[in-house]
């Protein structure tokens, strides 16, 4: 973000963090692209209509085309004086049905929407019934086989912790380090609906979708937990499973530490007050 001007005659610059949810089926990911419908582009156009102001929408994640989101943080730099409630409902009024604002808060100028994030939770959903369920087609991958959930859970446990996940990224991934820490990889089942929950501090390109594809192949008996260990050891993409389709993936939550988001601002304010207090005699 650029520096905030101190000119008394200039409007005060505010940093507004909105939390959005969207059905990714008709979006080509988050990041703005020319002549292509994206989440960022749609938000920026809605803000222009709403406030007659151009903004640059930035988020913690660059979701792929087709990926859904339940709660994504998006940072806007604005000179608008409208209150937060008005921002939430006013901006939402100008958005299409597949994108909504679920919350809004004001953050400090030092807040970084991507670097200050300390964790993300993704959920990959599978429908394992023999017959297709049209009501789940937008956010579940239809895998019409009985899956070995016990084997999948055992393999998921192998992926938990800090590892080199080089085998679980696309060839287009440009991350310099492929070491990541996953604090939770679990498989939940409710009859024919299966959820793979993955939580970690950061992710490589398509990492969660490749984890999901690998666990599905374990559930089908095509791979074993030993194969997962070998993929983590070798770092070779061919040792991991397929990349699961994007439409089954949902970004469920992004977490910030004590100095991020609304709670962090309260901590910062308290700390600033404590620093200014005179020393006691105790």
Protein backbone atom coordinates (compact mmCIF):
# COMPACT_ATOMS: atom_id res chain seq x y z
CA UNK A 1 0.00 0.00 0.00
CA UNK A 2 1.24 3.54 -0.70
CA UNK A 3 1.87 5.97 2.15
CA UNK A 4 -1.08 7.83 3.58
CA UNK A 5 -0.99 11.56 2.93
CA UNK A 6 -0.82 13.91 5.92
CA UNK A 7 -2.22 16.98 4.14
CA UNK A 8 -5.05 18.29 6.33
CA UNK A 9 -7.03 19.35 3.26
CA UNK A 10 -6.90 15.88 1.72
CA UNK A 11 -9.55 13.25 2.50
CA UNK A 12 -8.53 10.66 5.07
CA UNK A 13 -7.45 7.39 3.56
CA UNK A 14 -9.07 4.34 5.13
CA UNK A 15 -8.21 0.67 4.85
CA UNK A 16 -11.36 -1.44 4.79
CA UNK A 17 -11.18 -5.20 5.13
CA UNK A 18 -14.27 -6.85 3.69
CA UNK A 19 -14.99 -10.55 4.00
CA UNK A 20 -16.64 -12.08 0.95
CA UNK A 21 -18.23 -15.37 -0.01
CA UNK A 22 -18.73 -16.60 -3.55
CA UNK A 23 -19.76 -19.46 -5.77
CA UNK A 24 -16.70 -19.84 -7.98
CA UNK A 25 -18.42 -21.68 -10.84
CA UNK A 26 -18.68 -18.59 -13.06
CA UNK A 27 -15.52 -16.84 -11.88
CA UNK A 28 -12.04 -17.24 -13.35
CA UNK A 29 -10.41 -17.04 -9.93
CA UNK A 30 -9.87 -13.99 -7.75
CA UNK A 31 -7.19 -11.93 -9.47
CA UNK A 32 -8.29 -9.27 -11.94
CA UNK A 33 -7.87 -10.26 -15.60
CA UNK A 34 -8.71 -8.27 -18.66
CA UNK A 35 -12.05 -9.17 -20.30
CA UNK A 36 -12.50 -12.14 -17.94
CA UNK A 37 -14.93 -12.31 -15.03
CA UNK A 38 -13.03 -12.52 -11.74
CA UNK A 39 -13.88 -11.85 -8.10
CA UNK A 40 -11.52 -8.86 -7.81
CA UNK A 41 -12.76 -7.31 -11.03
CA UNK A 42 -16.39 -7.72 -9.99
CA UNK A 43 -15.74 -6.17 -6.57
CA UNK A 44 -13.87 -3.22 -8.07
CA UNK A 45 -16.62 -2.53 -10.59
CA UNK A 46 -19.29 -2.76 -7.88
CA UNK A 47 -17.34 -0.31 -5.69
CA UNK A 48 -17.01 2.09 -8.63
CA UNK A 49 -20.78 1.98 -9.11
CA UNK A 50 -21.42 2.26 -5.38
CA UNK A 51 -18.93 5.02 -4.45
CA UNK A 52 -17.74 6.42 -7.80
CA UNK A 53 -14.18 5.56 -6.77
CA UNK A 54 -11.61 3.23 -8.28
CA UNK A 55 -10.06 0.79 -5.81
CA UNK A 56 -7.57 -2.04 -5.99
CA UNK A 57 -9.00 -5.20 -4.39
CA UNK A 58 -6.31 -7.32 -2.75
CA UNK A 59 -6.73 -10.62 -0.99
CA UNK A 60 -4.82 -13.30 0.89
CA UNK A 61 -5.35 -15.91 -1.84
CA UNK A 62 -5.44 -16.20 -5.61
CA UNK A 63 -8.09 -18.85 -6.03
CA UNK A 64 -8.25 -20.85 -9.24
CA UNK A 65 -11.17 -20.72 -11.64
CA UNK A 66 -14.10 -22.68 -10.23
CA UNK A 67 -12.94 -22.67 -6.60
CA UNK A 68 -15.52 -21.49 -4.06
CA UNK A 69 -15.10 -19.43 -0.93
CA UNK A 70 -17.03 -19.14 2.29
CA UNK A 71 -15.04 -16.32 3.90
CA UNK A 72 -12.22 -14.55 2.04
CA UNK A 73 -10.58 -11.30 3.23
CA UNK A 74 -10.30 -8.50 0.67
CA UNK A 75 -8.54 -5.21 1.45
CA UNK A 76 -9.72 -1.92 -0.08
CA UNK A 77 -7.94 1.44 0.18
CA UNK A 78 -10.54 4.19 0.04
CA UNK A 79 -11.34 7.80 0.95
CA UNK A 80 -15.01 7.00 1.40
CA UNK A 81 -16.53 8.30 4.65
CA UNK A 82 -19.40 5.82 4.70
CA UNK A 83 -19.74 3.77 7.88
CA UNK A 84 -18.91 0.07 7.93
CA UNK A 85 -22.53 -1.06 8.01
CA UNK A 86 -23.22 1.06 4.94
CA UNK A 87 -20.18 -0.40 3.19
CA UNK A 88 -21.27 -3.95 3.91
CA UNK A 89 -24.85 -3.59 2.73
CA UNK A 90 -24.30 -0.92 0.11
CA UNK A 91 -21.53 -2.77 -1.70
CA UNK A 92 -23.41 -6.05 -1.40
CA UNK A 93 -26.42 -4.43 -3.10
CA UNK A 94 -24.31 -3.86 -6.23
CA UNK A 95 -22.91 -7.40 -6.39
CA UNK A 96 -24.26 -10.37 -8.41
CA UNK A 97 -26.01 -13.28 -6.73
CA UNK A 98 -22.90 -15.46 -6.72
CA UNK A 99 -20.78 -12.97 -4.71
CA UNK A 100 -21.62 -11.35 -1.38
CA UNK A 101 -20.08 -9.27 1.42
CA UNK A 102 -20.53 -11.03 4.78
CA UNK A 103 -18.62 -8.58 7.00
CA UNK A 104 -16.56 -5.38 6.95
CA UNK A 105 -14.06 -3.80 9.33
CA UNK A 106 -11.51 -1.01 9.32
CA UNK A 107 -7.85 -1.97 9.78
CA UNK A 108 -4.58 -0.17 10.37
CA UNK A 109 -2.49 1.06 7.42
CA UNK A 110 0.24 -1.41 8.40
CA UNK A 111 -2.08 -4.39 7.96
CA UNK A 112 -1.10 -6.68 5.05
CA UNK A 113 -3.89 -8.91 3.85
CA UNK A 114 -1.55 -11.63 2.57
CA UNK A 115 1.58 -11.48 4.71
CA UNK A 116 -0.31 -11.12 8.01
CA UNK A 117 -2.36 -14.26 7.42
CA UNK A 118 -1.16 -17.09 9.66
CA UNK A 119 -3.40 -19.89 8.49
CA UNK A 120 -6.03 -21.06 6.03
CA UNK A 121 -8.58 -23.84 6.06
CA UNK A 122 -9.73 -25.53 2.87
CA UNK A 123 -12.46 -28.13 2.50
CA UNK A 124 -12.60 -30.46 -0.48
CA UNK A 125 -16.00 -32.14 -0.94
CA UNK A 126 -16.75 -35.44 -2.69
CA UNK A 127 -20.03 -37.18 -3.48
CA UNK A 128 -19.32 -40.92 -3.61
CA UNK A 129 -22.78 -42.19 -4.52
CA UNK A 130 -23.18 -44.32 -7.61
CA UNK A 131 -25.82 -42.00 -9.02
CA UNK A 132 -25.05 -38.35 -9.64
CA UNK A 133 -26.71 -35.84 -7.33
CA UNK A 134 -27.48 -32.73 -9.42
CA UNK A 135 -27.95 -30.62 -6.28
CA UNK A 136 -24.27 -31.15 -5.39
CA UNK A 137 -22.78 -30.75 -8.84
CA UNK A 138 -21.45 -27.23 -8.25
CA UNK A 139 -19.38 -27.86 -5.11
CA UNK A 140 -18.77 -31.64 -4.93
CA UNK A 141 -16.59 -33.87 -7.09
CA UNK A 142 -18.61 -36.93 -8.08
CA UNK A 143 -16.48 -40.03 -7.47
CA UNK A 144 -18.86 -43.00 -7.99
CA UNK A 145 -16.87 -45.59 -6.03
CA UNK A 146 -16.97 -46.80 -2.46
CA UNK A 147 -13.95 -45.22 -0.78
CA UNK A 148 -11.81 -46.74 1.97
CA UNK A 149 -12.09 -43.92 4.51
CA UNK A 150 -9.79 -45.66 6.98
CA UNK A 151 -6.99 -45.86 4.41
CA UNK A 152 -7.58 -42.24 3.41
CA UNK A 153 -7.38 -41.11 7.05
CA UNK A 154 -4.14 -43.03 7.56
CA UNK A 155 -2.61 -41.39 4.48
CA UNK A 156 -3.91 -37.97 5.56
CA UNK A 157 -2.06 -38.34 8.86
CA UNK A 158 1.18 -38.85 6.92
CA UNK A 159 0.72 -35.41 5.33
CA UNK A 160 0.25 -33.60 8.62
CA UNK A 161 3.21 -31.62 9.95
CA UNK A 162 6.09 -29.87 8.25
CA UNK A 163 7.21 -31.51 5.00
CA UNK A 164 8.60 -30.72 1.60
CA UNK A 165 5.47 -30.77 -0.56
CA UNK A 166 7.27 -30.42 -3.91
CA UNK A 167 5.34 -33.42 -5.25
CA UNK A 168 2.06 -31.67 -4.44
CA UNK A 169 2.31 -28.61 -6.68
CA UNK A 170 1.94 -27.84 -10.35
CA UNK A 171 4.86 -27.30 -12.69
CA UNK A 172 3.74 -23.68 -12.98
CA UNK A 173 4.27 -23.04 -9.25
CA UNK A 174 6.99 -20.42 -8.72
CA UNK A 175 7.41 -20.72 -4.93
CA UNK A 176 11.09 -20.67 -4.01
CA UNK A 177 10.58 -22.99 -1.04
CA UNK A 178 8.28 -26.00 -1.15
CA UNK A 179 8.41 -26.66 2.60
CA UNK A 180 5.05 -26.07 4.22
CA UNK A 181 3.44 -26.88 7.56
CA UNK A 182 0.01 -28.48 7.71
CA UNK A 183 -1.47 -28.66 11.19
CA UNK A 184 -4.53 -30.62 10.15
CA UNK A 185 -5.38 -33.02 7.32
CA UNK A 186 -8.52 -35.02 8.07
CA UNK A 187 -11.14 -37.01 6.23
CA UNK A 188 -14.78 -36.82 7.36
CA UNK A 189 -17.63 -38.90 6.00
CA UNK A 190 -21.41 -38.62 6.30
CA UNK A 191 -22.92 -41.51 4.37
CA UNK A 192 -21.93 -40.78 0.75
CA UNK A 193 -20.57 -37.29 1.34
CA UNK A 194 -16.85 -37.08 2.04
CA UNK A 195 -14.93 -34.00 3.16
CA UNK A 196 -11.17 -33.57 3.16
CA UNK A 197 -10.21 -30.75 5.53
CA UNK A 198 -6.75 -29.22 5.14
CA UNK A 199 -5.38 -26.48 7.40
CA UNK A 200 -1.94 -24.91 7.20
CA UNK A 201 0.12 -21.76 7.27
CA UNK A 202 0.57 -21.46 3.49
CA UNK A 203 0.03 -23.48 0.34
CA UNK A 204 1.66 -24.17 -3.01
CA UNK A 205 -0.22 -23.81 -6.30
CA UNK A 206 -2.92 -26.53 -6.49
CA UNK A 207 -1.50 -28.15 -3.36
CA UNK A 208 -4.85 -28.89 -1.72
CA UNK A 209 -6.36 -30.22 -4.94
CA UNK A 210 -3.41 -32.59 -5.41
CA UNK A 211 -3.67 -33.70 -1.80
CA UNK A 212 -7.37 -34.41 -2.39
CA UNK A 213 -6.65 -36.28 -5.62
CA UNK A 214 -3.98 -38.36 -3.89
CA UNK A 215 -6.26 -39.27 -0.99
CA UNK A 216 -9.04 -40.24 -3.39
CA UNK A 217 -6.66 -42.62 -5.15
CA UNK A 218 -5.75 -44.08 -1.77
CA UNK A 219 -9.46 -44.53 -1.05
CA UNK A 220 -9.83 -46.35 -4.37
CA UNK A 221 -6.94 -48.68 -3.54
CA UNK A 222 -4.74 -47.26 -6.31
CA UNK A 223 -2.21 -45.84 -3.84
CA UNK A 224 -1.14 -46.57 -0.26
CA UNK A 225 0.16 -44.60 2.72
CA UNK A 226 3.63 -45.79 1.75
CA UNK A 227 3.17 -44.15 -1.65
CA UNK A 228 2.30 -40.88 0.08
CA UNK A 229 5.46 -41.10 2.18
CA UNK A 230 7.48 -41.75 -0.98
CA UNK A 231 5.96 -38.69 -2.67
CA UNK A 232 6.91 -36.53 0.30
CA UNK A 233 10.42 -37.98 0.24
CA UNK A 234 11.07 -37.81 -3.50
CA UNK A 235 9.40 -34.49 -4.31
CA UNK A 236 8.46 -35.82 -7.75
CA UNK A 237 5.07 -34.80 -9.06
CA UNK A 238 4.48 -38.21 -10.64
CA UNK A 239 4.69 -39.86 -7.23
CA UNK A 240 1.57 -38.01 -6.01
CA UNK A 241 -2.00 -38.37 -7.24
CA UNK A 242 -4.07 -36.46 -9.75
CA UNK A 243 -5.16 -32.86 -9.37
CA UNK A 244 -8.78 -32.98 -8.19
CA UNK A 245 -11.25 -30.74 -10.08
CA UNK A 246 -11.48 -27.14 -8.87
CA UNK A 247 -15.25 -27.13 -8.26
CA UNK A 248 -14.96 -29.44 -5.24
CA UNK A 249 -12.71 -27.01 -3.36
CA UNK A 250 -13.84 -24.29 -0.95
CA UNK A 251 -11.64 -21.81 0.90
CA UNK A 252 -13.41 -22.00 4.25
CA UNK A 253 -11.48 -19.58 6.47
CA UNK A 254 -8.40 -17.35 6.68
CA UNK A 255 -6.91 -16.69 10.12
CA UNK A 256 -4.89 -13.73 11.30
CA UNK A 257 -2.64 -13.45 14.35
CA UNK A 258 -2.89 -11.02 17.29
CA UNK A 259 -1.92 -8.07 15.07
CA UNK A 260 -4.22 -8.78 12.18
CA UNK A 261 -7.85 -7.84 11.60
CA UNK A 262 -10.29 -6.43 14.15
CA UNK A 263 -9.00 -8.25 17.21
CA UNK A 264 -5.45 -7.27 16.29
CA UNK A 265 -6.36 -3.59 16.18
CA UNK A 266 -7.67 -3.84 19.72
CA UNK A 267 -4.39 -5.44 20.82
CA UNK A 268 -2.39 -2.75 19.01
CA UNK A 269 -4.39 0.02 20.66
CA UNK A 270 -3.95 -1.51 24.10
CA UNK A 271 -0.21 -1.97 23.53
CA UNK A 272 0.17 1.63 22.40
CA UNK A 273 -1.57 2.82 25.54
CA UNK A 274 0.63 0.67 27.75
CA UNK A 275 3.77 1.99 26.11
CA UNK A 276 2.67 5.57 26.82
CA UNK A 277 1.91 4.92 30.49
CA UNK A 278 4.44 6.28 33.01
CA UNK A 279 6.47 3.69 34.95
CA UNK A 280 5.02 2.54 38.26
CA UNK A 281 6.81 2.34 41.60
CA UNK A 282 6.21 -1.37 41.97
